[in-house]
């Protein structure tokens, strides 16, 4: 959740979310939607033009860059020339504000010199092209820093050429960069291993994390009136403050209701006022430098539903897995018996974790499975009235290939559950450590990962006509490599082989209900289709921008009707590319 305070009026604040952009004109006491024309609503970055009040740029997950010149009332696309539309950071040249920089997730850095009308690639020497952060030196705008999944690169010629990172940070995920406003030689970096400091414009770096009990630092924000005061937001530890230029840190006295902090902003006219954007609990405000915080979310919406299933014997009965916060630990299962008009929580005394997956046994009436974080698998045989933990502590994942960021965001999750359509005793669980299988009605579990070279399983489907054939989708955004893809097993998971769809983060899979050789895959780059059981794949046209396709569903009566759910861009229908 990026947060931006209007440089001309600190009562005006903008917040980017997974469901659009919101604006407050009363110091965050109330919010209203401000995203007309924003066709991709998953917003990863927001930056204002410091010299043109009302002009803002938004970077989105799959839709590229959008621009507003009327204080976010309307937006228009500003992505011409961008060959990668997954935009993480944006930066504006403070002296020549028509000059912009966009960091992409895999495509490197792009530059515009006409306010976003046209972009060109600026990657010479940039050997790592997953860009998490950008910063422009305030005294010399030709100097630009880029934080990547493998250290900090620096350009001294307006991004024409890049110098590689120093050894100190060459292996670090660099989530944030900020340059000292009064001393531009000083640069701070927030990384997956704490805060690092350079006093010589990035030539040398030293760790500056004393007192940080949580080392995964996402945002960094400098108090403009007291530049020795810096705030750091962490993934799980809340907000920390340093009053000595990063030499030491202390957690702010009052913890936030959600300690996963993606944004921190300091009021430029009253630096005692802070704002913090969290992962799912919205925005918090402090009027006393972080001693006390208040939730300020009137008008903001961000419901978090991770899973939904419909009872095949009674379509009016639905189950959803919900959580209180995007990365919070509290969650549960809710049930509706009237087609979703009303809901009641079920299993509250047993299921207290975040719910990632749900599955219904198609042959055992009333049997429902729930997968949670913490390796939990729960089963009900009476339509959710009572639950039993059937994981039996067996889902102990090998997380050697999972980054610390991912482990924090999703500790031992059961991302997907599937019941063999021909054998109710056989159940599969997809996790960050691969696939687990039970062949005895969940009495015991075992790993089935031979040949599965990427074990971060996000999707799993079983061929309804031949339950020995399975497909899994794998991969994750936090990885710097080009892994992930669709894998296939023809022996009930004993062995796996990669299909032709690789190098994608595969989030969802679905069969054509009338032809199981036809498989659909929802990925970070849209929808793909195979008509030959995974041997070849082609891209699929959607009516809206469809990156990060989290779920797919095919109409069982009309297989040409296919629906997809996205992160931040709603539901869409699909059709083949001509």
Protein backbone atom coordinates (compact mmCIF):
# COMPACT_ATOMS: atom_id res chain seq x y z
CA UNK A 1 0.00 0.00 0.00
CA UNK A 2 1.88 3.10 -1.20
CA UNK A 3 1.02 6.33 0.62
CA UNK A 4 1.65 9.81 -0.77
CA UNK A 5 1.14 13.17 0.95
CA UNK A 6 0.41 16.04 -1.43
CA UNK A 7 3.51 18.29 -1.34
CA UNK A 8 1.31 21.38 -1.64
CA UNK A 9 -1.35 20.41 0.94
CA UNK A 10 -0.53 17.90 3.64
CA UNK A 11 -4.21 17.30 4.38
CA UNK A 12 -4.45 15.59 0.99
CA UNK A 13 -3.24 11.99 1.04
CA UNK A 14 -3.36 9.27 -1.59
CA UNK A 15 -3.30 5.53 -0.93
CA UNK A 16 -2.70 2.83 -3.50
CA UNK A 17 -4.23 -0.57 -2.78
CA UNK A 18 -4.86 -3.90 -4.49
CA UNK A 19 -8.32 -2.63 -5.37
CA UNK A 20 -7.60 0.88 -6.60
CA UNK A 21 -6.58 4.35 -5.40
CA UNK A 22 -8.18 6.24 -2.53
CA UNK A 23 -7.91 9.93 -1.65
CA UNK A 24 -8.39 11.84 1.59
CA UNK A 25 -8.73 15.61 1.78
CA UNK A 26 -9.06 15.82 5.57
CA UNK A 27 -5.84 14.32 6.88
CA UNK A 28 -7.04 10.71 6.42
CA UNK A 29 -10.16 11.05 8.57
CA UNK A 30 -12.17 9.83 5.59
CA UNK A 31 -11.40 8.33 2.17
CA UNK A 32 -13.08 8.12 -1.19
CA UNK A 33 -12.26 6.21 -4.36
CA UNK A 34 -10.15 8.19 -6.81
CA UNK A 35 -9.41 5.91 -9.72
CA UNK A 36 -11.72 6.69 -12.65
CA UNK A 37 -9.94 5.47 -15.78
CA UNK A 38 -7.57 3.21 -13.86
CA UNK A 39 -8.10 -0.01 -15.78
CA UNK A 40 -5.63 -1.98 -13.66
CA UNK A 41 -6.48 -1.50 -10.01
CA UNK A 42 -3.60 -3.30 -8.29
CA UNK A 43 -1.41 -0.28 -7.49
CA UNK A 44 2.19 -0.87 -6.41
CA UNK A 45 3.56 2.68 -6.51
CA UNK A 46 2.37 6.29 -6.40
CA UNK A 47 4.48 9.41 -6.90
CA UNK A 48 3.48 13.09 -7.20
CA UNK A 49 5.04 15.68 -9.45
CA UNK A 50 6.64 17.98 -6.83
CA UNK A 51 6.28 21.05 -9.06
CA UNK A 52 2.84 20.45 -10.54
CA UNK A 53 0.10 20.16 -7.91
CA UNK A 54 -2.46 17.53 -8.82
CA UNK A 55 -0.19 15.55 -11.11
CA UNK A 56 0.48 11.98 -9.99
CA UNK A 57 1.79 8.77 -11.51
CA UNK A 58 0.71 5.26 -10.53
CA UNK A 59 2.60 2.04 -11.22
CA UNK A 60 0.45 -1.08 -11.44
CA UNK A 61 0.81 -4.86 -11.44
CA UNK A 62 0.42 -5.64 -15.12
CA UNK A 63 -1.17 -2.46 -16.44
CA UNK A 64 1.91 -0.28 -16.65
CA UNK A 65 1.92 3.40 -15.66
CA UNK A 66 -1.10 5.68 -15.30
CA UNK A 67 -1.13 9.48 -14.98
CA UNK A 68 -3.54 11.95 -13.40
CA UNK A 69 -3.39 15.72 -13.81
CA UNK A 70 -6.46 16.54 -11.73
CA UNK A 71 -5.66 15.27 -8.26
CA UNK A 72 -6.60 11.64 -9.01
CA UNK A 73 -10.13 12.40 -10.18
CA UNK A 74 -9.31 10.79 -13.54
CA UNK A 75 -6.45 8.65 -14.84
CA UNK A 76 -5.11 7.86 -18.28
CA UNK A 77 -2.64 5.24 -19.38
CA UNK A 78 0.93 6.45 -19.83
CA UNK A 79 2.76 3.29 -20.88
CA UNK A 80 3.77 3.75 -24.51
CA UNK A 81 7.15 2.07 -24.99
CA UNK A 82 7.03 -0.05 -21.85
CA UNK A 83 7.73 -3.66 -22.77
CA UNK A 84 7.15 -4.85 -19.20
CA UNK A 85 3.94 -3.64 -17.55
CA UNK A 86 4.58 -4.89 -14.01
CA UNK A 87 5.72 -1.65 -12.38
CA UNK A 88 7.10 -1.72 -8.85
CA UNK A 89 8.83 1.66 -8.13
CA UNK A 90 8.47 5.02 -9.82
CA UNK A 91 10.71 8.07 -9.37
CA UNK A 92 10.49 11.68 -10.57
CA UNK A 93 13.50 13.90 -11.30
CA UNK A 94 13.05 16.68 -8.67
CA UNK A 95 14.51 19.35 -10.97
CA UNK A 96 13.11 18.28 -14.34
CA UNK A 97 9.79 16.73 -13.39
CA UNK A 98 8.96 15.64 -16.92
CA UNK A 99 11.72 13.08 -16.45
CA UNK A 100 10.47 9.87 -14.85
CA UNK A 101 11.93 6.47 -14.08
CA UNK A 102 9.97 3.22 -13.81
CA UNK A 103 11.33 0.00 -12.32
CA UNK A 104 9.77 -3.20 -13.60
CA UNK A 105 9.59 -6.72 -12.28
CA UNK A 106 11.90 -8.45 -14.74
CA UNK A 107 12.31 -5.82 -17.45
CA UNK A 108 14.69 -3.45 -15.72
CA UNK A 109 14.44 0.35 -15.74
CA UNK A 110 12.58 2.54 -18.23
CA UNK A 111 12.90 6.31 -18.62
CA UNK A 112 10.52 8.98 -19.89
CA UNK A 113 11.53 12.58 -20.62
CA UNK A 114 8.07 13.84 -21.53
CA UNK A 115 5.92 13.14 -18.48
CA UNK A 116 5.14 9.55 -19.35
CA UNK A 117 4.09 10.07 -22.97
CA UNK A 118 6.87 7.78 -24.20
CA UNK A 119 9.23 5.39 -22.41
CA UNK A 120 12.52 3.82 -23.44
CA UNK A 121 14.55 1.03 -21.90
CA UNK A 122 17.62 2.13 -19.87
CA UNK A 123 19.37 -1.08 -18.90
CA UNK A 124 22.96 -1.03 -20.13
CA UNK A 125 25.02 -2.67 -17.38
CA UNK A 126 21.93 -3.58 -15.35
CA UNK A 127 22.48 -7.31 -14.96
CA UNK A 128 19.61 -7.77 -12.49
CA UNK A 129 16.31 -6.53 -13.86
CA UNK A 130 13.93 -7.14 -10.97
CA UNK A 131 13.67 -3.59 -9.65
CA UNK A 132 12.21 -3.03 -6.19
CA UNK A 133 13.27 0.57 -5.53
CA UNK A 134 14.56 3.72 -7.24
CA UNK A 135 15.99 6.97 -5.89
CA UNK A 136 17.22 10.15 -7.59
CA UNK A 137 19.91 12.29 -5.96
CA UNK A 138 18.35 15.69 -5.09
CA UNK A 139 21.53 17.65 -5.85
CA UNK A 140 22.43 15.85 -9.08
CA UNK A 141 19.46 14.28 -10.86
CA UNK A 142 21.75 12.43 -13.26
CA UNK A 143 22.59 10.16 -10.32
CA UNK A 144 20.03 7.39 -9.93
CA UNK A 145 20.09 4.36 -7.64
CA UNK A 146 18.22 1.12 -8.38
CA UNK A 147 17.53 -1.48 -5.71
CA UNK A 148 17.16 -4.97 -7.16
CA UNK A 149 16.84 -8.56 -6.01
CA UNK A 150 20.64 -8.65 -6.16
CA UNK A 151 21.94 -5.41 -4.69
CA UNK A 152 22.08 -1.71 -5.63
CA UNK A 153 23.09 -0.46 -9.06
CA UNK A 154 24.07 3.15 -9.67
CA UNK A 155 23.97 5.40 -12.71
CA UNK A 156 25.71 8.77 -12.96
CA UNK A 157 24.42 9.64 -16.41
CA UNK A 158 20.66 9.56 -16.12
CA UNK A 159 20.39 5.77 -16.49
CA UNK A 160 22.30 5.49 -19.75
CA UNK A 161 24.77 3.17 -18.04
CA UNK A 162 24.73 1.31 -14.72
CA UNK A 163 27.58 0.31 -12.42
CA UNK A 164 27.26 -3.03 -10.60
CA UNK A 165 26.61 -3.32 -6.86
CA UNK A 166 29.35 -3.60 -4.29
CA UNK A 167 30.06 -6.99 -2.75
CA UNK A 168 28.50 -5.82 0.53
CA UNK A 169 25.01 -5.79 -0.94
CA UNK A 170 25.33 -8.01 -4.02
CA UNK A 171 23.11 -10.73 -2.57
CA UNK A 172 20.50 -8.48 -0.98
CA UNK A 173 16.89 -7.81 -1.87
CA UNK A 174 16.72 -4.01 -1.72
CA UNK A 175 13.15 -2.92 -1.08
CA UNK A 176 13.68 0.79 -0.46
CA UNK A 177 16.20 3.55 -1.15
CA UNK A 178 16.23 7.09 0.15
CA UNK A 179 18.79 9.87 -0.19
CA UNK A 180 19.49 12.32 2.64
CA UNK A 181 17.69 15.60 1.81
CA UNK A 182 20.32 17.77 3.49
CA UNK A 183 23.33 15.57 2.75
CA UNK A 184 22.95 13.83 -0.63
CA UNK A 185 26.15 11.85 -0.06
CA UNK A 186 24.16 9.83 2.47
CA UNK A 187 22.02 7.02 1.09
CA UNK A 188 19.92 4.53 3.07
CA UNK A 189 18.80 1.12 1.86
CA UNK A 190 16.08 -1.06 3.36
CA UNK A 191 16.75 -4.73 2.60
CA UNK A 192 15.78 -8.25 3.54
CA UNK A 193 18.61 -8.20 6.08
CA UNK A 194 18.13 -4.80 7.68
CA UNK A 195 19.18 -1.22 6.91
CA UNK A 196 22.43 -0.33 5.17
CA UNK A 197 24.06 3.11 5.00
CA UNK A 198 26.43 4.74 2.53
CA UNK A 199 28.18 8.03 3.30
CA UNK A 200 29.88 8.36 -0.09
CA UNK A 201 27.07 8.21 -2.65
CA UNK A 202 26.87 4.43 -2.76
CA UNK A 203 30.53 3.56 -3.20
CA UNK A 204 30.72 1.80 0.17
CA UNK A 205 28.01 0.43 2.42
CA UNK A 206 27.85 -0.59 6.06
CA UNK A 207 25.09 -2.18 8.09
CA UNK A 208 23.02 0.23 10.19
CA UNK A 209 20.56 -2.08 11.92
CA UNK A 210 21.41 -1.90 15.62
CA UNK A 211 18.17 -2.35 17.56
CA UNK A 212 16.11 -3.66 14.62
CA UNK A 213 14.49 -6.81 15.95
CA UNK A 214 12.88 -7.40 12.56
CA UNK A 215 15.38 -7.16 9.73
CA UNK A 216 13.03 -7.28 6.72
CA UNK A 217 12.73 -3.56 6.02
CA UNK A 218 10.30 -2.47 3.32
CA UNK A 219 9.79 1.33 3.46
CA UNK A 220 12.22 3.97 4.73
CA UNK A 221 11.14 7.56 5.30
CA UNK A 222 13.27 10.52 6.45
CA UNK A 223 11.82 13.32 8.55
CA UNK A 224 12.28 16.34 6.24
CA UNK A 225 12.57 18.74 9.18
CA UNK A 226 14.93 16.53 11.22
CA UNK A 227 16.93 14.49 8.68
CA UNK A 228 18.68 12.46 11.38
CA UNK A 229 15.26 10.97 12.19
CA UNK A 230 14.35 8.02 9.99
CA UNK A 231 11.41 5.63 10.10
CA UNK A 232 11.52 2.03 8.91
CA UNK A 233 8.52 -0.18 8.25
CA UNK A 234 9.10 -3.91 8.60
CA UNK A 235 7.35 -7.09 7.53
CA UNK A 236 6.08 -8.27 10.88
CA UNK A 237 7.77 -5.98 13.38
CA UNK A 238 5.88 -2.75 12.80
CA UNK A 239 7.55 0.66 12.67
CA UNK A 240 11.03 1.51 14.01
CA UNK A 241 12.58 4.95 14.50
CA UNK A 242 16.16 6.16 14.48
CA UNK A 243 17.09 9.63 15.71
CA UNK A 244 20.82 9.34 14.97
CA UNK A 245 20.92 8.79 11.24
CA UNK A 246 20.47 5.03 11.39
CA UNK A 247 23.12 4.25 13.97
CA UNK A 248 20.50 2.83 16.35
CA UNK A 249 16.82 1.93 16.15
CA UNK A 250 13.91 1.51 18.53
CA UNK A 251 10.44 0.19 17.90
CA UNK A 252 7.79 2.88 18.20
CA UNK A 253 6.13 2.59 21.63
CA UNK A 254 2.65 1.66 20.43
CA UNK A 255 2.42 -1.40 18.17
CA UNK A 256 0.09 -1.26 15.19
CA UNK A 257 -2.86 -3.61 14.90
CA UNK A 258 -1.05 -5.03 11.86
CA UNK A 259 2.72 -5.10 12.13
CA UNK A 260 3.35 -5.74 8.42
CA UNK A 261 4.07 -2.22 7.19
CA UNK A 262 4.39 -1.50 3.49
CA UNK A 263 4.47 2.31 3.64
CA UNK A 264 5.50 5.09 6.02
CA UNK A 265 4.96 8.77 5.22
CA UNK A 266 5.95 11.85 7.24
CA UNK A 267 3.90 15.04 7.02
CA UNK A 268 6.31 17.51 5.35
CA UNK A 269 4.85 20.47 7.29
CA UNK A 270 4.38 18.81 10.66
CA UNK A 271 6.83 15.98 11.12
CA UNK A 272 5.19 14.82 14.33
CA UNK A 273 2.43 13.42 12.11
CA UNK A 274 3.09 10.01 10.58
CA UNK A 275 1.07 7.66 8.42
CA UNK A 276 1.60 3.92 8.08
CA UNK A 277 0.09 1.69 5.40
CA UNK A 278 -0.27 -1.95 6.41
CA UNK A 279 -0.93 -5.28 4.75
CA UNK A 280 -4.69 -5.46 4.94
CA UNK A 281 -5.50 -3.42 8.06
CA UNK A 282 -5.45 -0.18 6.10
CA UNK A 283 -3.92 3.12 7.20
CA UNK A 284 -2.88 4.25 10.67
CA UNK A 285 -2.03 7.78 11.82
CA UNK A 286 0.13 9.06 14.63
CA UNK A 287 0.19 12.68 15.79
CA UNK A 288 3.10 12.17 18.20
CA UNK A 289 5.93 10.58 16.21
CA UNK A 290 4.64 7.06 16.64
CA UNK A 291 3.88 6.98 20.36
CA UNK A 292 0.20 6.38 19.64
CA UNK A 293 -1.65 5.25 16.52
CA UNK A 294 -5.26 5.43 15.36
CA UNK A 295 -6.92 3.47 12.58
CA UNK A 296 -8.18 5.85 9.87
CA UNK A 297 -10.01 3.73 7.34
CA UNK A 298 -13.44 5.27 6.90
CA UNK A 299 -14.29 4.68 3.23
CA UNK A 300 -11.40 2.29 2.58
CA UNK A 301 -12.27 -1.26 1.61
CA UNK A 302 -9.99 -4.27 1.24
CA UNK A 303 -11.74 -7.57 1.98
CA UNK A 304 -9.39 -10.55 2.08
CA UNK A 305 -10.93 -13.79 0.78
CA UNK A 306 -8.42 -16.51 -0.04
CA UNK A 307 -10.64 -19.47 -0.96
CA UNK A 308 -14.21 -20.26 -1.98
CA UNK A 309 -15.99 -23.52 -2.80
CA UNK A 310 -19.58 -24.46 -3.66
CA UNK A 311 -21.17 -27.63 -2.33
CA UNK A 312 -21.74 -29.81 -5.43
CA UNK A 313 -24.84 -31.40 -3.90
CA UNK A 314 -26.36 -28.09 -2.79
CA UNK A 315 -25.23 -25.05 -4.82
CA UNK A 316 -26.85 -22.69 -2.30
CA UNK A 317 -24.23 -23.77 0.24
CA UNK A 318 -20.87 -21.99 -0.01
CA UNK A 319 -17.74 -21.95 2.11
CA UNK A 320 -15.08 -19.22 2.12
CA UNK A 321 -11.74 -18.86 3.80
CA UNK A 322 -11.30 -15.33 5.09
CA UNK A 323 -8.75 -13.43 7.13
CA UNK A 324 -8.83 -10.21 9.08
CA UNK A 325 -5.72 -8.77 7.43
CA UNK A 326 -3.79 -9.45 4.24
CA UNK A 327 -0.78 -10.83 6.12
CA UNK A 328 -2.27 -11.10 9.59
CA UNK A 329 -2.41 -14.41 11.42
CA UNK A 330 -6.11 -14.38 12.32
CA UNK A 331 -8.61 -16.00 9.99
CA UNK A 332 -11.34 -18.58 9.71
CA UNK A 333 -14.01 -20.33 7.66
CA UNK A 334 -17.45 -18.89 6.89
CA UNK A 335 -20.49 -20.66 5.51
CA UNK A 336 -23.58 -19.54 3.65
CA UNK A 337 -26.66 -21.68 3.04
CA UNK A 338 -28.56 -19.06 1.04
CA UNK A 339 -26.29 -18.49 -1.93
CA UNK A 340 -24.11 -15.92 -0.20
CA UNK A 341 -26.81 -13.58 1.12
CA UNK A 342 -25.68 -14.22 4.69
CA UNK A 343 -22.68 -15.84 6.33
CA UNK A 344 -21.80 -17.42 9.68
CA UNK A 345 -18.38 -18.40 10.94
CA UNK A 346 -17.85 -22.11 11.52
CA UNK A 347 -15.10 -23.92 13.37
CA UNK A 348 -14.02 -20.80 15.26
CA UNK A 349 -12.84 -22.84 18.22
CA UNK A 350 -10.57 -25.01 16.06
CA UNK A 351 -9.52 -23.02 12.98
CA UNK A 352 -7.86 -19.77 14.05
CA UNK A 353 -5.21 -19.46 11.34
CA UNK A 354 -5.25 -17.89 7.89
CA UNK A 355 -7.16 -20.08 5.44
CA UNK A 356 -5.56 -20.58 2.03
CA UNK A 357 -7.51 -23.49 0.56
CA UNK A 358 -10.80 -25.37 0.68
CA UNK A 359 -11.89 -28.65 -0.90
CA UNK A 360 -15.11 -30.67 -0.83
CA UNK A 361 -15.10 -34.47 -1.14
CA UNK A 362 -17.35 -35.10 -4.17
CA UNK A 363 -18.44 -38.54 -2.91
CA UNK A 364 -18.73 -38.12 0.85
CA UNK A 365 -21.64 -35.86 1.52
CA UNK A 366 -20.79 -33.10 4.00
CA UNK A 367 -17.00 -33.68 4.01
CA UNK A 368 -14.99 -30.46 3.71
CA UNK A 369 -11.22 -29.87 3.97
CA UNK A 370 -9.52 -26.62 4.98
CA UNK A 371 -5.83 -25.75 4.51
CA UNK A 372 -4.23 -23.05 6.66
CA UNK A 373 -0.83 -21.59 7.30
CA UNK A 374 1.28 -23.35 9.89
CA UNK A 375 0.88 -26.59 7.91
CA UNK A 376 -2.69 -27.08 9.12
CA UNK A 377 -5.23 -29.35 7.40
CA UNK A 378 -8.67 -29.63 8.98
CA UNK A 379 -11.59 -31.87 8.03
CA UNK A 380 -15.30 -31.74 8.77
CA UNK A 381 -17.65 -34.62 8.02
CA UNK A 382 -20.80 -32.78 9.08
CA UNK A 383 -20.83 -29.70 6.82
CA UNK A 384 -18.64 -27.66 9.10
CA UNK A 385 -20.35 -28.25 12.44
CA UNK A 386 -17.24 -29.90 13.90
CA UNK A 387 -13.63 -30.07 12.74
CA UNK A 388 -10.58 -32.27 13.32
CA UNK A 389 -6.93 -31.53 12.60
CA UNK A 390 -5.87 -34.22 10.10
CA UNK A 391 -2.44 -32.84 9.20
CA UNK A 392 -1.03 -34.79 12.16
CA UNK A 393 2.06 -32.58 12.11
CA UNK A 394 3.22 -34.30 8.91
CA UNK A 395 3.37 -31.22 6.67
CA UNK A 396 6.92 -30.22 7.60
CA UNK A 397 8.08 -28.48 4.50
CA UNK A 398 11.60 -28.25 3.19
CA UNK A 399 11.82 -24.49 2.66
CA UNK A 400 15.37 -24.45 1.32
CA UNK A 401 14.16 -22.83 -1.91
CA UNK A 402 11.84 -20.33 -0.24
CA UNK A 403 13.09 -16.81 0.46
CA UNK A 404 12.91 -15.34 3.98
CA UNK A 405 10.39 -12.82 2.64
CA UNK A 406 8.08 -15.57 1.48
CA UNK A 407 8.49 -17.52 4.72
CA UNK A 408 7.43 -14.46 6.69
CA UNK A 409 4.49 -13.65 4.44
CA UNK A 410 3.23 -17.24 4.35
CA UNK A 411 4.63 -19.47 7.14
CA UNK A 412 4.15 -23.09 6.05
CA UNK A 413 0.94 -22.56 4.08
CA UNK A 414 -1.31 -25.18 2.53
CA UNK A 415 -1.92 -23.31 -0.70
CA UNK A 416 -4.10 -25.93 -2.34
CA UNK A 417 -6.03 -29.10 -1.43
CA UNK A 418 -7.49 -31.65 -3.84
CA UNK A 419 -9.49 -34.85 -3.31
CA UNK A 420 -9.12 -37.67 -5.85
CA UNK A 421 -12.46 -37.64 -7.76
CA UNK A 422 -12.46 -41.46 -7.90
CA UNK A 423 -11.01 -42.28 -4.47
CA UNK A 424 -12.01 -40.28 -1.41
CA UNK A 425 -9.18 -41.84 0.58
CA UNK A 426 -6.62 -39.99 -1.56
CA UNK A 427 -5.98 -36.33 -0.78
CA UNK A 428 -3.22 -34.01 -2.06
CA UNK A 429 -1.83 -30.84 -0.44
CA UNK A 430 0.25 -28.23 -2.30
CA UNK A 431 2.74 -26.28 -0.17
CA UNK A 432 5.93 -24.23 -0.32
CA UNK A 433 7.75 -27.55 0.13
CA UNK A 434 6.03 -29.33 -2.74
CA UNK A 435 3.19 -31.85 -2.85
CA UNK A 436 2.10 -34.05 0.06
CA UNK A 437 -0.21 -37.02 -0.42
CA UNK A 438 -2.39 -39.16 1.81
CA UNK A 439 -3.68 -42.49 0.47
CA UNK A 440 -5.44 -43.59 3.64
CA UNK A 441 -8.00 -40.94 4.36
CA UNK A 442 -5.49 -38.50 5.94
CA UNK A 443 -4.18 -40.98 8.53
CA UNK A 444 -0.67 -40.50 7.14
CA UNK A 445 1.03 -38.10 4.71
CA UNK A 446 4.14 -38.40 2.53
CA UNK A 447 6.05 -36.15 0.13
CA UNK A 448 5.63 -36.87 -3.59
CA UNK A 449 8.10 -34.50 -5.25
CA UNK A 450 10.40 -36.54 -7.49
CA UNK A 451 11.12 -34.40 -10.55
CA UNK A 452 9.33 -31.35 -9.17
CA UNK A 453 12.18 -28.87 -9.59
CA UNK A 454 10.18 -25.91 -8.27
CA UNK A 455 8.33 -26.98 -5.13
CA UNK A 456 6.52 -23.74 -4.39
CA UNK A 457 3.15 -25.17 -5.37
CA UNK A 458 0.32 -22.68 -5.85
CA UNK A 459 -2.17 -24.77 -7.85
CA UNK A 460 -2.99 -28.48 -8.22
CA UNK A 461 -5.68 -30.20 -10.29
CA UNK A 462 -6.56 -33.85 -10.88
CA UNK A 463 -7.74 -35.15 -14.25
CA UNK A 464 -11.43 -36.01 -13.66
CA UNK A 465 -11.28 -38.78 -16.29
CA UNK A 466 -7.93 -40.27 -15.23
CA UNK A 467 -7.11 -39.52 -11.60
CA UNK A 468 -3.57 -40.78 -12.06
CA UNK A 469 -2.85 -37.59 -14.03
CA UNK A 470 -2.17 -34.41 -12.06
CA UNK A 471 -0.89 -30.93 -12.86
CA UNK A 472 0.70 -28.43 -10.49
CA UNK A 473 1.49 -24.75 -10.93
CA UNK A 474 4.50 -23.34 -9.09
CA UNK A 475 6.64 -20.23 -8.62
CA UNK A 476 6.66 -17.07 -6.54
CA UNK A 477 7.20 -13.31 -6.97
CA UNK A 478 9.89 -13.03 -4.30
CA UNK A 479 12.34 -15.24 -6.19
CA UNK A 480 15.03 -13.59 -8.30
CA UNK A 481 15.33 -16.55 -10.67
CA UNK A 482 13.24 -17.39 -13.72
CA UNK A 483 11.65 -20.53 -12.33
CA UNK A 484 8.10 -21.67 -11.88
CA UNK A 485 5.74 -23.21 -14.41
CA UNK A 486 3.37 -26.13 -14.89
CA UNK A 487 4.44 -29.69 -14.00
CA UNK A 488 2.63 -32.94 -14.79
CA UNK A 489 2.44 -36.39 -13.21
CA UNK A 490 0.88 -39.47 -14.81
CA UNK A 491 1.43 -41.81 -11.84
CA UNK A 492 -0.52 -40.17 -9.03
CA UNK A 493 2.35 -37.91 -8.02
CA UNK A 494 5.14 -40.50 -7.80
CA UNK A 495 7.11 -38.56 -10.41
CA UNK A 496 6.77 -35.19 -12.15
CA UNK A 497 8.01 -33.64 -15.38
CA UNK A 498 7.95 -30.04 -16.57
CA UNK A 499 5.50 -29.10 -19.30
CA UNK A 500 6.27 -26.57 -22.01
CA UNK A 501 4.99 -23.69 -19.84
CA UNK A 502 7.96 -22.57 -17.74
CA UNK A 503 9.41 -19.38 -16.30
CA UNK A 504 6.02 -18.16 -15.09
CA UNK A 505 4.50 -17.85 -11.67
CA UNK A 506 1.50 -20.17 -12.08
CA UNK A 507 -1.28 -19.28 -9.67
CA UNK A 508 -4.26 -21.25 -10.94
CA UNK A 509 -5.15 -24.22 -13.14
CA UNK A 510 -8.39 -25.55 -14.62
CA UNK A 511 -9.54 -28.33 -16.95
CA UNK A 512 -12.03 -28.11 -19.78
CA UNK A 513 -14.83 -30.18 -18.17
CA UNK A 514 -15.56 -31.96 -21.46
CA UNK A 515 -11.98 -32.52 -22.63
CA UNK A 516 -9.31 -33.09 -19.98
CA UNK A 517 -6.54 -32.72 -22.58
CA UNK A 518 -7.40 -29.01 -22.55
CA UNK A 519 -5.82 -27.24 -19.59
CA UNK A 520 -5.83 -23.54 -18.63
CA UNK A 521 -3.13 -21.88 -16.53
CA UNK A 522 -3.51 -18.50 -14.80
CA UNK A 523 -0.11 -16.83 -14.34
CA UNK A 524 1.60 -13.58 -13.46
CA UNK A 525 1.50 -12.78 -17.18
CA UNK A 526 -2.05 -13.73 -18.03
CA UNK A 527 -3.82 -16.93 -19.10
CA UNK A 528 -2.33 -19.77 -21.17
CA UNK A 529 -4.07 -22.74 -22.77
CA UNK A 530 -2.90 -26.21 -23.77
CA UNK A 531 -5.00 -28.50 -25.95
CA UNK A 532 -2.55 -31.41 -25.91
CA UNK A 533 -2.22 -32.21 -22.20
CA UNK A 534 0.58 -29.71 -21.57
CA UNK A 535 2.87 -30.38 -24.54
CA UNK A 536 2.30 -26.91 -26.01
CA UNK A 537 0.74 -23.70 -24.68
CA UNK A 538 -0.66 -20.55 -26.29
CA UNK A 539 -1.63 -17.21 -24.81
CA UNK A 540 -5.30 -16.44 -24.29
CA UNK A 541 -7.00 -13.12 -24.96
CA UNK A 542 -8.90 -11.43 -22.12
CA UNK A 543 -11.33 -8.55 -22.21
CA UNK A 544 -9.38 -6.69 -19.53
CA UNK A 545 -5.72 -6.59 -18.52
CA UNK A 546 -5.32 -9.95 -16.80
CA UNK A 547 -2.01 -10.26 -15.02
CA UNK A 548 -1.79 -12.17 -11.74
CA UNK A 549 -4.69 -14.52 -12.44
CA UNK A 550 -5.38 -15.96 -8.99
CA UNK A 551 -8.24 -18.28 -9.91
CA UNK A 552 -9.86 -19.85 -12.97
CA UNK A 553 -13.28 -21.46 -13.42
CA UNK A 554 -14.82 -23.14 -16.47
CA UNK A 555 -18.57 -23.45 -16.87
CA UNK A 556 -19.29 -27.22 -16.62
CA UNK A 557 -22.19 -26.90 -19.06
CA UNK A 558 -20.51 -24.54 -21.52
CA UNK A 559 -16.71 -24.96 -21.65
CA UNK A 560 -16.36 -21.88 -23.84
CA UNK A 561 -17.39 -19.77 -20.84
CA UNK A 562 -14.23 -19.28 -18.79
CA UNK A 563 -13.85 -16.88 -15.89
CA UNK A 564 -10.75 -15.58 -14.17
CA UNK A 565 -10.16 -13.64 -10.98
CA UNK A 566 -7.22 -11.26 -10.77
CA UNK A 567 -5.29 -9.41 -8.13
CA UNK A 568 -6.79 -5.94 -8.24
CA UNK A 569 -8.50 -6.09 -11.62
CA UNK A 570 -11.70 -7.94 -10.89
CA UNK A 571 -13.25 -10.86 -12.81
CA UNK A 572 -12.90 -11.33 -16.56
CA UNK A 573 -13.90 -13.74 -19.34
CA UNK A 574 -11.43 -15.16 -21.83
CA UNK A 575 -11.15 -16.21 -25.44
CA UNK A 576 -8.32 -17.43 -27.65
CA UNK A 577 -5.93 -15.13 -29.43
CA UNK A 578 -6.92 -14.89 -33.12
